[in-house]
Amino acid sequence: MLLTYRQAALTSLARTNASQPEDRGDLAALFHALLPIDRRVERDWRVWFSFWGLAIADPGFAAEQRERMGGFVL
């Protein structure tokens, strides 16, 4: 289960990173990459929300979530 969660987070991170120019800060492109407007993004959101409750209760998932969200910088 942790690998599924990690893969969805890494896929989302790759998509958001690819949406940004080198100087970063393109909010419109970032929102377009993050919003669940296509099946792939919606799937990642569903996985993330499905494991969100588990991350509150499970230290391993909590650590994974902190690591993944800590790397998300615009």
C-alpha atoms as a PDB file:
ATOM      1  CA  MET A   1       0.000   0.000   0.000  1.00  0.00           C
ATOM      2  CA  LEU A   2       2.825   2.361   0.806  1.00  0.00           C
ATOM      3  CA  LEU A   3       4.284   1.872  -2.674  1.00  0.00           C
ATOM      4  CA  THR A   4       0.939   2.815  -4.257  1.00  0.00           C
ATOM      5  CA  TYR A   5       0.803   5.967  -2.148  1.00  0.00           C
ATOM      6  CA  ARG A   6       4.423   6.816  -2.977  1.00  0.00           C
ATOM      7  CA  GLN A   7       3.920   6.261  -6.700  1.00  0.00           C
ATOM      8  CA  ALA A   8       0.896   8.566  -6.807  1.00  0.00           C
ATOM      9  CA  ALA A   9       2.817  11.247  -4.910  1.00  0.00           C
ATOM     10  CA  LEU A  10       5.873  10.940  -7.151  1.00  0.00           C
ATOM     11  CA  THR A  11       3.736  11.019 -10.291  1.00  0.00           C
ATOM     12  CA  SER A  12       2.050  14.183  -9.071  1.00  0.00           C
ATOM     13  CA  LEU A  13       5.402  15.754  -8.191  1.00  0.00           C
ATOM     14  CA  ALA A  14       6.821  14.932 -11.623  1.00  0.00           C
ATOM     15  CA  ARG A  15       3.758  16.389 -13.310  1.00  0.00           C
ATOM     16  CA  THR A  16       3.907  19.627 -11.299  1.00  0.00           C
ATOM     17  CA  ASN A  17       7.665  19.972 -11.808  1.00  0.00           C
ATOM     18  CA  ALA A  18       7.240  19.493 -15.559  1.00  0.00           C
ATOM     19  CA  SER A  19       4.583  22.214 -15.593  1.00  0.00           C
ATOM     20  CA  GLN A  20       6.984  24.863 -14.344  1.00  0.00           C
ATOM     21  CA  PRO A  21       9.429  27.009 -16.276  1.00  0.00           C
ATOM     22  CA  GLU A  22      13.002  27.116 -15.033  1.00  0.00           C
ATOM     23  CA  ASP A  23      12.365  30.198 -12.892  1.00  0.00           C
ATOM     24  CA  ARG A  24       9.223  28.499 -11.450  1.00  0.00           C
ATOM     25  CA  GLY A  25       6.217  30.452 -10.240  1.00  0.00           C
ATOM     26  CA  ASP A  26       3.738  29.752 -13.065  1.00  0.00           C
ATOM     27  CA  LEU A  27       0.638  29.339 -10.902  1.00  0.00           C
ATOM     28  CA  ALA A  28      -1.736  28.745 -13.810  1.00  0.00           C
ATOM     29  CA  ALA A  29       0.389  25.848 -15.077  1.00  0.00           C
ATOM     30  CA  LEU A  30       0.754  24.498 -11.543  1.00  0.00           C
ATOM     31  CA  PHE A  31      -2.997  24.519 -10.965  1.00  0.00           C
ATOM     32  CA  HIS A  32      -3.566  22.895 -14.335  1.00  0.00           C
ATOM     33  CA  ALA A  33      -1.108  20.121 -13.373  1.00  0.00           C
ATOM     34  CA  LEU A  34      -2.709  19.642  -9.932  1.00  0.00           C
ATOM     35  CA  LEU A  35      -6.440  19.936 -10.536  1.00  0.00           C
ATOM     36  CA  PRO A  36      -8.237  16.644 -11.257  1.00  0.00           C
ATOM     37  CA  ILE A  37      -9.222  17.557 -14.808  1.00  0.00           C
ATOM     38  CA  ASP A  38      -8.118  14.301 -16.382  1.00  0.00           C
ATOM     39  CA  ARG A  39      -8.176  10.659 -15.340  1.00  0.00           C
ATOM     40  CA  ARG A  40      -4.519  10.423 -14.332  1.00  0.00           C
ATOM     41  CA  VAL A  41      -4.677  13.391 -11.996  1.00  0.00           C
ATOM     42  CA  GLU A  42      -8.017  12.278 -10.594  1.00  0.00           C
ATOM     43  CA  ARG A  43      -6.549   8.841  -9.881  1.00  0.00           C
ATOM     44  CA  ASP A  44      -3.640  10.374  -7.983  1.00  0.00           C
ATOM     45  CA  TRP A  45      -6.023  12.508  -5.935  1.00  0.00           C
ATOM     46  CA  ARG A  46      -8.153   9.460  -5.106  1.00  0.00           C
ATOM     47  CA  VAL A  47      -5.099   7.529  -3.961  1.00  0.00           C
ATOM     48  CA  TRP A  48      -3.852  10.462  -1.902  1.00  0.00           C
ATOM     49  CA  PHE A  49      -7.222  10.987  -0.184  1.00  0.00           C
ATOM     50  CA  SER A  50      -7.672   7.264   0.358  1.00  0.00           C
ATOM     51  CA  PHE A  51      -4.432   7.092   2.299  1.00  0.00           C
ATOM     52  CA  TRP A  52      -4.764  10.431   4.053  1.00  0.00           C
ATOM     53  CA  GLY A  53      -6.583   8.906   7.029  1.00  0.00           C
ATOM     54  CA  LEU A  54      -4.025   6.138   7.240  1.00  0.00           C
ATOM     55  CA  ALA A  55      -1.228   8.713   7.322  1.00  0.00           C
ATOM     56  CA  ILE A  56      -2.790  10.197  10.457  1.00  0.00           C
ATOM     57  CA  ALA A  57      -2.742   6.864  12.285  1.00  0.00           C
ATOM     58  CA  ASP A  58       0.272   5.033  10.835  1.00  0.00           C
ATOM     59  CA  PRO A  59       3.782   6.372  11.517  1.00  0.00           C
ATOM     60  CA  GLY A  60       5.167   4.908   8.277  1.00  0.00           C
ATOM     61  CA  PHE A  61       2.540   6.601   6.148  1.00  0.00           C
ATOM     62  CA  ALA A  62       2.881   9.799   8.166  1.00  0.00           C
ATOM     63  CA  ALA A  63       6.628   9.863   7.498  1.00  0.00           C
ATOM     64  CA  GLU A  64       6.045   9.208   3.804  1.00  0.00           C
ATOM     65  CA  GLN A  65       3.484  11.999   3.600  1.00  0.00           C
ATOM     66  CA  ARG A  66       5.819  14.465   5.351  1.00  0.00           C
ATOM     67  CA  GLU A  67       8.659  13.538   3.012  1.00  0.00           C
ATOM     68  CA  ARG A  68       6.538  13.894  -0.107  1.00  0.00           C
ATOM     69  CA  MET A  69       4.912  17.157   0.934  1.00  0.00           C
ATOM     70  CA  GLY A  70       8.220  18.561   2.167  1.00  0.00           C
ATOM     71  CA  GLY A  71       9.601  18.243  -1.345  1.00  0.00           C
ATOM     72  CA  PHE A  72       6.739  20.178  -2.906  1.00  0.00           C
ATOM     73  CA  VAL A  73       7.985  23.702  -3.457  1.00  0.00           C
ATOM     74  CA  LEU A  74       6.820  26.223  -6.000  1.00  0.00           C
END
